[in-house]
Amino acid sequence: MTLSGAPETGDSLVYQFQVSQLGRTPSSSVVQVEIQLANAGVAAELGLPEGSRVVSRHQRRFIDAKPWSLQTSFYPMELALKGAGDLLIASNIEQGAVQYLADTLGLRQVAYRDWVTVRAPDNTEASFFDLPADGRVAVYEVFRTAFEQTGAPIRVTVTVFPTDRNQFIFENGPVPTHQGQPSAED
């Protein structure tokens, strides 16, 4: 999976496209939406005080019906209150959240920062990914903070991937396609 790409492209649409390009079938659960109080990490990334209300949008993602990742995006509640009310609806945003925020609020995602960590899975993750309970198969946790044209953060997406079925390629700029890249099955 290539994590990098054009910053204005939405993560879910990129995921679906990339998986389909590999001749595989992407799918995901129904979106779960909650209003939560931002923990210290999410609040810091969004430039909000800890405990601020945020919209949480969570999905379980699959490739060829096999559990592949868990993804949760956090948006400042202020965006929904300013007119981006579809963030509060438990369904996919057809054009993707990035384009939706551009269309409804004029917020154009122009950049993002990925922070990747590796850790043992929690019980929920081990169960979903069918990992050994002893933690010997770790998970990647990718924190992506997206920024709009003024430099303000507009979204934090936390995606968890099991290390036994994922590898990442980071690209920046017009990198030519390399035919020798490992496939998602390697």
N, C-alpha and C. Protein backbone atom coordinates (compact mmCIF):
# COMPACT_ATOMS: atom_id res chain seq x y z
N MET A 1 0.85 -1.17 0.00
CA MET A 1 0.00 0.00 0.00
C MET A 1 0.90 1.23 0.00
N THR A 2 0.63 2.17 -0.87
CA THR A 2 1.37 3.42 -0.91
C THR A 2 0.63 4.42 -0.05
N LEU A 3 1.28 4.89 1.03
CA LEU A 3 0.62 5.82 1.93
C LEU A 3 0.65 7.24 1.40
N SER A 4 1.69 7.59 0.67
CA SER A 4 1.83 8.95 0.18
C SER A 4 1.10 9.11 -1.14
N GLY A 5 0.82 10.33 -1.46
CA GLY A 5 0.15 10.64 -2.71
C GLY A 5 -0.21 12.09 -2.71
N ALA A 6 -1.10 12.50 -3.59
CA ALA A 6 -1.52 13.89 -3.64
C ALA A 6 -2.27 14.22 -2.36
N PRO A 7 -1.86 15.28 -1.65
CA PRO A 7 -2.50 15.58 -0.37
C PRO A 7 -3.97 15.93 -0.49
N GLU A 8 -4.43 16.31 -1.67
CA GLU A 8 -5.82 16.68 -1.82
C GLU A 8 -6.73 15.47 -2.07
N THR A 9 -6.17 14.27 -2.12
CA THR A 9 -6.95 13.06 -2.38
C THR A 9 -7.37 12.43 -1.06
N GLY A 10 -8.59 11.97 -0.98
CA GLY A 10 -9.09 11.36 0.24
C GLY A 10 -8.55 9.96 0.46
N ASP A 11 -8.32 9.61 1.72
CA ASP A 11 -7.73 8.31 2.06
C ASP A 11 -8.58 7.13 1.60
N SER A 12 -9.89 7.17 1.82
CA SER A 12 -10.74 6.03 1.47
C SER A 12 -10.77 5.79 -0.03
N LEU A 13 -10.85 6.86 -0.81
CA LEU A 13 -10.87 6.70 -2.26
C LEU A 13 -9.54 6.17 -2.76
N VAL A 14 -8.44 6.62 -2.17
CA VAL A 14 -7.12 6.12 -2.55
C VAL A 14 -7.02 4.64 -2.22
N TYR A 15 -7.47 4.25 -1.03
CA TYR A 15 -7.45 2.85 -0.60
C TYR A 15 -8.19 1.97 -1.61
N GLN A 16 -9.41 2.36 -1.96
CA GLN A 16 -10.21 1.57 -2.89
C GLN A 16 -9.52 1.47 -4.25
N PHE A 17 -8.99 2.56 -4.75
CA PHE A 17 -8.33 2.57 -6.05
C PHE A 17 -7.09 1.69 -6.04
N GLN A 18 -6.24 1.86 -5.03
CA GLN A 18 -4.99 1.09 -4.98
C GLN A 18 -5.24 -0.40 -4.86
N VAL A 19 -6.18 -0.79 -4.04
CA VAL A 19 -6.48 -2.21 -3.88
C VAL A 19 -7.04 -2.77 -5.19
N SER A 20 -7.94 -2.04 -5.83
CA SER A 20 -8.51 -2.48 -7.10
C SER A 20 -7.44 -2.61 -8.18
N GLN A 21 -6.46 -1.69 -8.18
CA GLN A 21 -5.38 -1.74 -9.16
C GLN A 21 -4.55 -3.02 -9.02
N LEU A 22 -4.54 -3.59 -7.84
CA LEU A 22 -3.80 -4.84 -7.60
C LEU A 22 -4.64 -6.07 -7.98
N GLY A 23 -5.85 -5.84 -8.52
CA GLY A 23 -6.72 -6.94 -8.90
C GLY A 23 -7.40 -7.59 -7.71
N ARG A 24 -7.50 -6.85 -6.62
CA ARG A 24 -8.10 -7.39 -5.40
C ARG A 24 -9.37 -6.61 -5.10
N THR A 25 -10.14 -7.08 -4.14
CA THR A 25 -11.44 -6.48 -3.85
C THR A 25 -11.44 -5.78 -2.50
N PRO A 26 -11.54 -4.43 -2.52
CA PRO A 26 -11.64 -3.69 -1.25
C PRO A 26 -13.09 -3.65 -0.77
N SER A 27 -13.27 -3.65 0.53
CA SER A 27 -14.59 -3.43 1.12
C SER A 27 -14.39 -2.85 2.51
N SER A 28 -15.48 -2.33 3.06
CA SER A 28 -15.38 -1.77 4.41
C SER A 28 -16.73 -1.86 5.10
N SER A 29 -16.68 -1.75 6.42
CA SER A 29 -17.90 -1.79 7.22
C SER A 29 -18.66 -0.48 7.05
N VAL A 30 -19.87 -0.47 7.56
CA VAL A 30 -20.64 0.76 7.63
C VAL A 30 -19.89 1.73 8.55
N VAL A 31 -19.89 2.99 8.23
CA VAL A 31 -19.21 4.00 9.04
C VAL A 31 -19.91 4.12 10.39
N GLN A 32 -19.12 4.10 11.47
CA GLN A 32 -19.65 4.37 12.81
C GLN A 32 -19.26 5.80 13.17
N VAL A 33 -20.23 6.60 13.54
CA VAL A 33 -19.98 8.01 13.86
C VAL A 33 -20.29 8.25 15.33
N GLU A 34 -19.40 8.96 16.00
CA GLU A 34 -19.61 9.33 17.40
C GLU A 34 -19.12 10.75 17.62
N ILE A 35 -19.67 11.40 18.60
CA ILE A 35 -19.12 12.65 19.11
C ILE A 35 -18.32 12.25 20.34
N GLN A 36 -17.04 12.57 20.36
CA GLN A 36 -16.16 12.18 21.46
C GLN A 36 -15.45 13.41 22.01
N LEU A 37 -14.85 13.23 23.17
CA LEU A 37 -13.97 14.24 23.74
C LEU A 37 -12.55 13.89 23.32
N ALA A 38 -11.87 14.83 22.72
CA ALA A 38 -10.53 14.57 22.18
C ALA A 38 -9.55 14.23 23.29
N ASN A 39 -8.85 13.08 23.11
CA ASN A 39 -7.78 12.76 24.06
C ASN A 39 -6.59 13.69 23.79
N ALA A 40 -5.58 13.60 24.61
CA ALA A 40 -4.44 14.53 24.51
C ALA A 40 -3.79 14.48 23.13
N GLY A 41 -3.60 13.28 22.56
CA GLY A 41 -2.94 13.15 21.27
C GLY A 41 -3.73 13.76 20.12
N VAL A 42 -5.02 13.42 20.04
CA VAL A 42 -5.87 13.96 18.98
C VAL A 42 -6.01 15.47 19.14
N ALA A 43 -6.22 15.93 20.36
CA ALA A 43 -6.36 17.36 20.61
C ALA A 43 -5.10 18.12 20.18
N ALA A 44 -3.94 17.61 20.52
CA ALA A 44 -2.68 18.27 20.15
C ALA A 44 -2.53 18.35 18.64
N GLU A 45 -2.83 17.25 17.95
CA GLU A 45 -2.69 17.24 16.49
C GLU A 45 -3.67 18.20 15.82
N LEU A 46 -4.88 18.35 16.39
CA LEU A 46 -5.87 19.24 15.81
C LEU A 46 -5.75 20.67 16.33
N GLY A 47 -4.83 20.91 17.24
CA GLY A 47 -4.67 22.26 17.79
C GLY A 47 -5.84 22.68 18.66
N LEU A 48 -6.43 21.71 19.36
CA LEU A 48 -7.58 21.97 20.22
C LEU A 48 -7.22 21.70 21.67
N PRO A 49 -7.94 22.29 22.61
CA PRO A 49 -7.74 21.93 24.01
C PRO A 49 -8.18 20.48 24.24
N GLU A 50 -7.45 19.77 25.10
CA GLU A 50 -7.84 18.40 25.45
C GLU A 50 -9.27 18.42 25.97
N GLY A 51 -10.06 17.44 25.56
CA GLY A 51 -11.46 17.37 25.98
C GLY A 51 -12.41 18.09 25.05
N SER A 52 -11.90 18.74 24.01
CA SER A 52 -12.79 19.38 23.03
C SER A 52 -13.60 18.32 22.31
N ARG A 53 -14.80 18.69 21.88
CA ARG A 53 -15.63 17.74 21.14
C ARG A 53 -15.09 17.57 19.72
N VAL A 54 -15.03 16.30 19.29
CA VAL A 54 -14.61 15.97 17.93
C VAL A 54 -15.59 14.95 17.36
N VAL A 55 -15.70 14.94 16.04
CA VAL A 55 -16.48 13.93 15.34
C VAL A 55 -15.53 12.79 15.01
N SER A 56 -15.91 11.58 15.40
CA SER A 56 -15.12 10.38 15.13
C SER A 56 -15.87 9.56 14.08
N ARG A 57 -15.17 9.19 13.00
CA ARG A 57 -15.74 8.35 11.94
C ARG A 57 -14.85 7.11 11.82
N HIS A 58 -15.42 5.94 12.10
CA HIS A 58 -14.63 4.71 12.18
C HIS A 58 -15.12 3.67 11.17
N GLN A 59 -14.16 2.98 10.53
CA GLN A 59 -14.49 1.87 9.63
C GLN A 59 -13.50 0.73 9.79
N ARG A 60 -14.00 -0.46 9.55
CA ARG A 60 -13.16 -1.66 9.45
C ARG A 60 -13.00 -1.90 7.95
N ARG A 61 -11.76 -2.10 7.50
CA ARG A 61 -11.51 -2.26 6.06
C ARG A 61 -10.97 -3.66 5.77
N PHE A 62 -11.34 -4.16 4.61
CA PHE A 62 -11.01 -5.53 4.22
C PHE A 62 -10.43 -5.54 2.80
N ILE A 63 -9.60 -6.53 2.52
CA ILE A 63 -9.16 -6.82 1.16
C ILE A 63 -9.47 -8.29 0.93
N ASP A 64 -10.22 -8.55 -0.14
CA ASP A 64 -10.67 -9.92 -0.45
C ASP A 64 -11.33 -10.56 0.77
N ALA A 65 -12.14 -9.79 1.47
CA ALA A 65 -12.91 -10.21 2.65
C ALA A 65 -12.04 -10.53 3.87
N LYS A 66 -10.74 -10.27 3.81
CA LYS A 66 -9.85 -10.51 4.94
C LYS A 66 -9.63 -9.18 5.69
N PRO A 67 -9.74 -9.17 7.02
CA PRO A 67 -9.51 -7.94 7.78
C PRO A 67 -8.14 -7.34 7.46
N TRP A 68 -8.13 -6.07 7.06
CA TRP A 68 -6.89 -5.45 6.63
C TRP A 68 -6.48 -4.24 7.47
N SER A 69 -7.45 -3.42 7.88
CA SER A 69 -7.10 -2.26 8.69
C SER A 69 -8.32 -1.74 9.44
N LEU A 70 -8.03 -0.99 10.49
CA LEU A 70 -9.04 -0.27 11.27
C LEU A 70 -8.72 1.21 11.11
N GLN A 71 -9.69 2.01 10.74
CA GLN A 71 -9.42 3.42 10.51
C GLN A 71 -10.43 4.30 11.22
N THR A 72 -9.92 5.30 11.94
CA THR A 72 -10.77 6.27 12.61
C THR A 72 -10.25 7.67 12.28
N SER A 73 -11.15 8.51 11.77
CA SER A 73 -10.81 9.90 11.48
C SER A 73 -11.51 10.79 12.49
N PHE A 74 -10.78 11.79 12.97
CA PHE A 74 -11.31 12.74 13.95
C PHE A 74 -11.32 14.13 13.32
N TYR A 75 -12.46 14.81 13.41
CA TYR A 75 -12.64 16.16 12.87
C TYR A 75 -13.07 17.09 14.00
N PRO A 76 -12.59 18.32 14.02
CA PRO A 76 -13.10 19.27 15.01
C PRO A 76 -14.62 19.41 14.86
N MET A 77 -15.36 19.38 15.94
CA MET A 77 -16.81 19.51 15.92
C MET A 77 -17.22 20.81 15.22
N GLU A 78 -16.38 21.80 15.32
CA GLU A 78 -16.64 23.11 14.71
C GLU A 78 -16.93 22.98 13.21
N LEU A 79 -16.30 22.03 12.53
CA LEU A 79 -16.54 21.87 11.09
C LEU A 79 -17.99 21.47 10.82
N ALA A 80 -18.53 20.55 11.62
CA ALA A 80 -19.92 20.14 11.46
C ALA A 80 -20.86 21.30 11.78
N LEU A 81 -20.53 22.07 12.81
CA LEU A 81 -21.38 23.19 13.20
C LEU A 81 -21.35 24.33 12.19
N LYS A 82 -20.28 24.43 11.43
CA LYS A 82 -20.15 25.48 10.40
C LYS A 82 -20.79 25.09 9.07
N GLY A 83 -21.33 23.87 8.96
CA GLY A 83 -22.02 23.50 7.73
C GLY A 83 -21.64 22.15 7.15
N ALA A 84 -20.63 21.48 7.68
CA ALA A 84 -20.24 20.16 7.17
C ALA A 84 -20.97 19.07 7.96
N GLY A 85 -22.30 19.15 7.96
CA GLY A 85 -23.13 18.24 8.75
C GLY A 85 -23.07 16.79 8.33
N ASP A 86 -22.66 16.51 7.09
CA ASP A 86 -22.56 15.11 6.65
C ASP A 86 -21.49 14.34 7.42
N LEU A 87 -20.58 15.04 8.09
CA LEU A 87 -19.60 14.35 8.93
C LEU A 87 -20.30 13.59 10.06
N LEU A 88 -21.51 14.03 10.42
CA LEU A 88 -22.26 13.43 11.51
C LEU A 88 -23.17 12.28 11.08
N ILE A 89 -23.20 11.99 9.78
CA ILE A 89 -24.09 10.95 9.26
C ILE A 89 -23.30 9.65 9.11
N ALA A 90 -23.88 8.56 9.61
CA ALA A 90 -23.21 7.25 9.60
C ALA A 90 -23.33 6.58 8.23
N SER A 91 -22.69 7.17 7.24
CA SER A 91 -22.60 6.59 5.91
C SER A 91 -21.37 7.18 5.22
N ASN A 92 -20.96 6.53 4.14
CA ASN A 92 -19.83 7.05 3.38
C ASN A 92 -20.19 8.41 2.80
N ILE A 93 -19.23 9.27 2.74
CA ILE A 93 -19.39 10.55 2.06
C ILE A 93 -18.97 10.29 0.62
N GLU A 94 -19.94 10.32 -0.28
CA GLU A 94 -19.76 9.83 -1.65
C GLU A 94 -18.51 10.36 -2.34
N GLN A 95 -18.28 11.66 -2.28
CA GLN A 95 -17.12 12.24 -2.97
C GLN A 95 -15.86 12.19 -2.11
N GLY A 96 -15.96 11.64 -0.92
CA GLY A 96 -14.84 11.59 0.01
C GLY A 96 -14.86 12.82 0.90
N ALA A 97 -14.39 12.67 2.12
CA ALA A 97 -14.43 13.76 3.10
C ALA A 97 -13.57 14.94 2.67
N VAL A 98 -12.45 14.67 2.03
CA VAL A 98 -11.56 15.76 1.60
C VAL A 98 -12.29 16.68 0.62
N GLN A 99 -12.91 16.10 -0.40
CA GLN A 99 -13.64 16.90 -1.39
C GLN A 99 -14.88 17.54 -0.77
N TYR A 100 -15.54 16.81 0.13
CA TYR A 100 -16.72 17.34 0.81
C TYR A 100 -16.38 18.62 1.59
N LEU A 101 -15.28 18.59 2.34
CA LEU A 101 -14.88 19.79 3.11
C LEU A 101 -14.52 20.94 2.17
N ALA A 102 -13.93 20.64 1.03
CA ALA A 102 -13.62 21.69 0.05
C ALA A 102 -14.91 22.28 -0.51
N ASP A 103 -15.86 21.41 -0.85
CA ASP A 103 -17.12 21.87 -1.45
C ASP A 103 -17.99 22.65 -0.47
N THR A 104 -18.07 22.18 0.78
CA THR A 104 -19.00 22.80 1.73
C THR A 104 -18.41 23.97 2.50
N LEU A 105 -17.12 23.89 2.86
CA LEU A 105 -16.51 24.93 3.70
C LEU A 105 -15.35 25.67 3.03
N GLY A 106 -14.98 25.25 1.83
CA GLY A 106 -13.85 25.88 1.15
C GLY A 106 -12.51 25.49 1.74
N LEU A 107 -12.48 24.41 2.55
CA LEU A 107 -11.23 23.96 3.15
C LEU A 107 -10.57 22.95 2.22
N ARG A 108 -9.47 23.34 1.63
CA ARG A 108 -8.76 22.47 0.69
C ARG A 108 -7.57 21.83 1.39
N GLN A 109 -7.60 20.50 1.47
CA GLN A 109 -6.46 19.80 2.07
C GLN A 109 -5.28 19.94 1.13
N VAL A 110 -4.20 20.53 1.63
CA VAL A 110 -3.02 20.77 0.79
C VAL A 110 -1.80 20.00 1.26
N ALA A 111 -1.87 19.42 2.45
CA ALA A 111 -0.71 18.70 2.97
C ALA A 111 -1.16 17.76 4.07
N TYR A 112 -0.30 16.82 4.38
CA TYR A 112 -0.52 15.97 5.55
C TYR A 112 0.81 15.45 6.05
N ARG A 113 0.78 15.03 7.30
CA ARG A 113 1.97 14.46 7.94
C ARG A 113 1.57 13.08 8.45
N ASP A 114 2.39 12.08 8.12
CA ASP A 114 2.18 10.73 8.63
C ASP A 114 3.20 10.45 9.71
N TRP A 115 2.73 9.86 10.80
CA TRP A 115 3.59 9.44 11.89
C TRP A 115 3.28 7.97 12.11
N VAL A 116 4.27 7.10 11.91
CA VAL A 116 4.07 5.66 11.97
C VAL A 116 4.76 5.10 13.21
N THR A 117 4.00 4.33 13.99
CA THR A 117 4.56 3.64 15.15
C THR A 117 4.26 2.15 15.02
N VAL A 118 4.97 1.35 15.77
CA VAL A 118 4.73 -0.09 15.84
C VAL A 118 4.53 -0.43 17.31
N ARG A 119 3.51 -1.24 17.57
CA ARG A 119 3.20 -1.61 18.96
C ARG A 119 2.47 -2.94 18.97
N ALA A 120 2.30 -3.50 20.15
CA ALA A 120 1.50 -4.72 20.30
C ALA A 120 0.02 -4.37 20.11
N PRO A 121 -0.76 -5.28 19.56
CA PRO A 121 -2.19 -4.99 19.38
C PRO A 121 -2.94 -5.05 20.71
N ASP A 122 -4.01 -4.26 20.80
CA ASP A 122 -4.88 -4.40 21.97
C ASP A 122 -5.82 -5.59 21.70
N ASN A 123 -6.67 -5.92 22.65
CA ASN A 123 -7.54 -7.10 22.52
C ASN A 123 -8.50 -6.99 21.34
N THR A 124 -9.06 -5.80 21.11
CA THR A 124 -9.99 -5.60 19.99
C THR A 124 -9.28 -5.82 18.66
N GLU A 125 -8.09 -5.26 18.53
CA GLU A 125 -7.31 -5.40 17.29
C GLU A 125 -6.90 -6.85 17.07
N ALA A 126 -6.42 -7.52 18.11
CA ALA A 126 -6.00 -8.91 17.98
C ALA A 126 -7.19 -9.77 17.53
N SER A 127 -8.36 -9.52 18.08
CA SER A 127 -9.55 -10.27 17.70
C SER A 127 -9.95 -9.99 16.25
N PHE A 128 -10.03 -8.72 15.87
CA PHE A 128 -10.44 -8.36 14.50
C PHE A 128 -9.49 -8.93 13.46
N PHE A 129 -8.19 -8.81 13.69
CA PHE A 129 -7.20 -9.27 12.71
C PHE A 129 -6.87 -10.75 12.87
N ASP A 130 -7.45 -11.42 13.86
CA ASP A 130 -7.18 -12.82 14.15
C ASP A 130 -5.68 -13.04 14.40
N LEU A 131 -5.14 -12.23 15.31
CA LEU A 131 -3.72 -12.30 15.66
C LEU A 131 -3.54 -13.10 16.94
N PRO A 132 -2.37 -13.69 17.13
CA PRO A 132 -2.11 -14.40 18.39
C PRO A 132 -2.27 -13.45 19.59
N ALA A 133 -2.88 -13.90 20.63
CA ALA A 133 -3.15 -13.08 21.82
C ALA A 133 -1.88 -12.67 22.56
N ASP A 134 -0.76 -13.34 22.28
CA ASP A 134 0.48 -13.04 23.02
C ASP A 134 1.22 -11.81 22.49
N GLY A 135 0.72 -11.17 21.44
CA GLY A 135 1.33 -9.94 20.94
C GLY A 135 2.55 -10.14 20.06
N ARG A 136 2.85 -11.38 19.67
CA ARG A 136 4.06 -11.60 18.86
C ARG A 136 3.93 -11.03 17.45
N VAL A 137 2.68 -10.79 16.97
CA VAL A 137 2.48 -10.08 15.71
C VAL A 137 2.05 -8.66 16.07
N ALA A 138 2.90 -7.71 15.75
CA ALA A 138 2.64 -6.32 16.10
C ALA A 138 1.68 -5.67 15.10
N VAL A 139 1.30 -4.43 15.40
CA VAL A 139 0.51 -3.63 14.47
C VAL A 139 1.26 -2.32 14.20
N TYR A 140 1.06 -1.81 12.97
CA TYR A 140 1.49 -0.46 12.64
C TYR A 140 0.33 0.45 13.03
N GLU A 141 0.64 1.60 13.58
CA GLU A 141 -0.38 2.61 13.84
C GLU A 141 0.08 3.87 13.11
N VAL A 142 -0.71 4.30 12.13
CA VAL A 142 -0.36 5.45 11.31
C VAL A 142 -1.27 6.61 11.71
N PHE A 143 -0.64 7.68 12.17
CA PHE A 143 -1.36 8.92 12.50
C PHE A 143 -1.15 9.87 11.33
N ARG A 144 -2.23 10.22 10.63
CA ARG A 144 -2.14 11.18 9.52
C ARG A 144 -2.87 12.45 9.93
N THR A 145 -2.14 13.55 10.00
CA THR A 145 -2.74 14.85 10.28
C THR A 145 -2.80 15.60 8.96
N ALA A 146 -4.02 16.02 8.57
CA ALA A 146 -4.23 16.74 7.32
C ALA A 146 -4.36 18.23 7.60
N PHE A 147 -3.80 19.04 6.69
CA PHE A 147 -3.79 20.49 6.85
C PHE A 147 -4.46 21.16 5.66
N GLU A 148 -5.21 22.24 5.95
CA GLU A 148 -5.84 23.01 4.88
C GLU A 148 -4.93 24.16 4.46
N GLN A 149 -5.39 24.93 3.49
CA GLN A 149 -4.55 25.92 2.82
C GLN A 149 -3.94 26.98 3.73
N THR A 150 -4.51 27.24 4.90
CA THR A 150 -3.91 28.24 5.81
C THR A 150 -2.90 27.59 6.76
N GLY A 151 -2.78 26.26 6.68
CA GLY A 151 -1.87 25.54 7.57
C GLY A 151 -2.54 24.97 8.80
N ALA A 152 -3.84 25.21 8.94
CA ALA A 152 -4.57 24.69 10.11
C ALA A 152 -4.87 23.20 9.92
N PRO A 153 -4.75 22.40 10.98
CA PRO A 153 -5.12 20.98 10.88
C PRO A 153 -6.64 20.85 10.80
N ILE A 154 -7.11 19.96 9.93
CA ILE A 154 -8.56 19.76 9.77
C ILE A 154 -9.00 18.33 10.07
N ARG A 155 -8.03 17.41 10.18
CA ARG A 155 -8.41 16.02 10.40
C ARG A 155 -7.20 15.26 10.92
N VAL A 156 -7.47 14.31 11.81
CA VAL A 156 -6.46 13.34 12.23
C VAL A 156 -7.07 11.97 11.95
N THR A 157 -6.37 11.16 11.19
CA THR A 157 -6.82 9.81 10.89
C THR A 157 -5.83 8.84 11.51
N VAL A 158 -6.35 7.92 12.29
CA VAL A 158 -5.52 6.88 12.92
C VAL A 158 -5.91 5.56 12.27
N THR A 159 -4.93 4.93 11.62
CA THR A 159 -5.19 3.65 10.95
C THR A 159 -4.26 2.60 11.54
N VAL A 160 -4.84 1.46 11.87
CA VAL A 160 -4.08 0.35 12.45
C VAL A 160 -4.04 -0.78 11.42
N PHE A 161 -2.82 -1.26 11.15
CA PHE A 161 -2.59 -2.34 10.20
C PHE A 161 -1.80 -3.45 10.89
N PRO A 162 -2.17 -4.72 10.73
CA PRO A 162 -1.34 -5.79 11.28
C PRO A 162 -0.06 -5.92 10.45
N THR A 163 1.05 -6.19 11.12
CA THR A 163 2.34 -6.27 10.41
C THR A 163 2.49 -7.54 9.59
N ASP A 164 1.64 -8.52 9.82
CA ASP A 164 1.80 -9.79 9.09
C ASP A 164 1.22 -9.75 7.68
N ARG A 165 0.55 -8.66 7.28
CA ARG A 165 -0.04 -8.61 5.94
C ARG A 165 0.05 -7.25 5.28
N ASN A 166 0.88 -6.39 5.81
CA ASN A 166 1.01 -5.06 5.25
C ASN A 166 2.47 -4.67 5.09
N GLN A 167 2.72 -3.90 4.06
CA GLN A 167 4.01 -3.25 3.85
C GLN A 167 3.68 -1.89 3.24
N PHE A 168 4.58 -0.95 3.39
CA PHE A 168 4.29 0.40 2.96
C PHE A 168 5.37 0.93 2.03
N ILE A 169 4.95 1.76 1.10
CA ILE A 169 5.85 2.48 0.20
C ILE A 169 5.52 3.95 0.41
N PHE A 170 6.52 4.75 0.70
CA PHE A 170 6.32 6.19 0.87
C PHE A 170 6.89 6.89 -0.36
N GLU A 171 6.09 7.68 -1.03
CA GLU A 171 6.53 8.41 -2.21
C GLU A 171 6.20 9.87 -2.05
N ASN A 172 7.04 10.71 -2.61
CA ASN A 172 6.81 12.14 -2.60
C ASN A 172 7.27 12.68 -3.94
N GLY A 173 6.42 13.36 -4.65
CA GLY A 173 6.78 13.88 -5.96
C GLY A 173 6.47 12.88 -7.06
N PRO A 174 6.84 13.23 -8.29
CA PRO A 174 6.51 12.38 -9.45
C PRO A 174 7.44 11.18 -9.58
N VAL A 175 7.27 10.21 -8.72
CA VAL A 175 8.10 9.01 -8.72
C VAL A 175 7.59 8.08 -9.82
N PRO A 176 8.47 7.65 -10.74
CA PRO A 176 8.00 6.72 -11.77
C PRO A 176 7.63 5.37 -11.16
N THR A 177 6.68 4.69 -11.78
CA THR A 177 6.27 3.38 -11.32
C THR A 177 7.41 2.40 -11.51
N HIS A 178 7.70 1.65 -10.48
CA HIS A 178 8.78 0.65 -10.51
C HIS A 178 8.12 -0.72 -10.60
N GLN A 179 8.39 -1.44 -11.67
CA GLN A 179 7.77 -2.74 -11.89
C GLN A 179 8.23 -3.78 -10.88
N GLY A 180 9.37 -3.55 -10.23
CA GLY A 180 9.90 -4.53 -9.29
C GLY A 180 9.40 -4.38 -7.87
N GLN A 181 8.43 -3.48 -7.64
CA GLN A 181 7.94 -3.30 -6.28
C GLN A 181 7.25 -4.56 -5.81
N PRO A 182 7.42 -4.90 -4.54
CA PRO A 182 6.73 -6.07 -4.01
C PRO A 182 5.22 -5.85 -4.07
N SER A 183 4.49 -6.91 -4.22
CA SER A 183 3.03 -6.82 -4.27
C SER A 183 2.48 -6.92 -2.85
N ALA A 184 1.19 -6.66 -2.73
CA ALA A 184 0.54 -6.74 -1.42
C ALA A 184 0.53 -8.18 -0.90
N GLU A 185 0.76 -9.14 -1.78
CA GLU A 185 0.76 -10.54 -1.36
C GLU A 185 2.12 -10.99 -0.89
N ASP A 186 3.18 -10.21 -1.14
CA ASP A 186 4.54 -10.58 -0.72
C ASP A 186 4.73 -10.46 0.76
